[in-house]
Protein backbone atom coordinates (compact mmCIF):
# COMPACT_ATOMS: atom_id res chain seq x y z
CA MET A 1 -5.95 -23.73 -63.95
CA LYS A 2 -7.00 -21.51 -61.07
CA LEU A 3 -4.54 -19.12 -59.41
CA PHE A 4 -4.62 -18.36 -55.69
CA CYS A 5 -2.73 -15.88 -53.50
CA ASN A 6 -0.39 -17.77 -51.18
CA CYS A 7 -0.89 -15.11 -48.45
CA CYS A 8 -4.66 -14.72 -48.15
CA GLY A 9 -5.88 -17.64 -50.27
CA LYS A 10 -7.99 -15.41 -52.51
CA GLU A 11 -8.56 -16.63 -56.05
CA ILE A 12 -6.93 -14.43 -58.70
CA LEU A 13 -9.65 -13.59 -61.22
CA THR A 14 -8.98 -14.95 -64.69
CA LYS A 15 -10.87 -14.83 -67.95
CA GLU A 16 -13.21 -17.82 -68.24
CA ASN A 17 -11.52 -20.94 -69.67
CA SER A 18 -8.17 -19.18 -69.95
CA GLN A 19 -5.11 -18.21 -67.94
CA ILE A 20 -5.47 -14.51 -68.76
CA ALA A 21 -5.56 -12.69 -65.42
CA LEU A 22 -8.15 -9.95 -64.91
CA GLU A 23 -6.19 -8.52 -61.98
CA ASP A 24 -2.48 -8.16 -61.37
CA TYR A 25 -0.35 -10.21 -59.00
CA VAL A 26 3.30 -10.88 -58.17
CA VAL A 27 5.11 -14.17 -58.80
CA ILE A 28 8.21 -14.87 -56.73
CA GLU A 29 10.29 -17.92 -57.60
CA LYS A 30 13.47 -19.00 -55.84
CA SER A 31 15.87 -21.89 -56.45
CA TRP A 32 17.80 -22.40 -53.23
CA GLY A 33 21.50 -23.15 -53.48
CA TYR A 34 24.58 -23.81 -51.42
CA PHE A 35 24.75 -22.47 -47.86
CA SER A 36 20.96 -22.71 -47.52
CA LYS A 37 18.90 -25.12 -45.45
CA LYS A 38 16.77 -25.51 -48.58
CA ASP A 39 19.64 -26.43 -50.94
CA GLY A 40 18.23 -28.04 -54.09
CA ILE A 41 14.63 -26.90 -53.51
CA ARG A 42 12.72 -24.54 -55.80
CA GLN A 43 9.79 -22.58 -54.40
CA LYS A 44 7.20 -20.42 -56.15
CA MET A 45 4.51 -18.15 -54.75
CA ILE A 46 1.75 -15.91 -56.06
CA ILE A 47 0.88 -12.76 -54.11
CA CYS A 48 -2.20 -10.64 -54.88
CA GLU A 49 -1.74 -6.88 -55.11
CA SER A 50 -3.46 -6.24 -51.77
CA CYS A 51 -1.22 -8.68 -49.87
CA PHE A 52 1.85 -7.33 -51.69
CA GLU A 53 1.00 -3.79 -50.54
CA SER A 54 0.49 -4.95 -46.93
CA TRP A 55 3.67 -7.05 -46.95
CA THR A 56 5.97 -4.46 -48.51
CA GLY A 57 4.47 -1.72 -46.32
CA SER A 58 6.02 -3.51 -43.34
CA PHE A 59 9.55 -3.41 -44.79
CA ALA A 60 12.19 -1.39 -42.92
CA ARG A 61 13.32 0.13 -46.22
CA PRO A 62 10.86 1.15 -48.94
CA LEU A 63 10.87 -0.49 -52.35
CA GLN A 64 12.54 1.28 -55.23
CA GLU A 65 9.96 2.61 -57.66
CA MET A 66 10.56 3.65 -61.25
CA GLU A 67 7.85 4.90 -63.57
CA GLU A 68 7.39 2.77 -66.69
CA GLN A 69 7.52 4.67 -69.95
CA GLU A 70 5.44 2.20 -71.94
CA LEU A 71 2.71 -0.03 -70.58
CA LEU A 72 1.85 -3.16 -72.50
């Protein structure tokens, strides 16, 4: 299965015949609930690292960043 960035449409590179990604990306998934116009709908998006940087760079408040002690 191919993965694509929902922002720019770029294909996320994966190892041939596998779902192992060769580049990192963000997955955001939301199940909408009461008091929402989307009540009962679940949405999922994939954002490549480049689009994530552009998007979050436009935020009024910066993201919190914590250094990971152990990378897997």
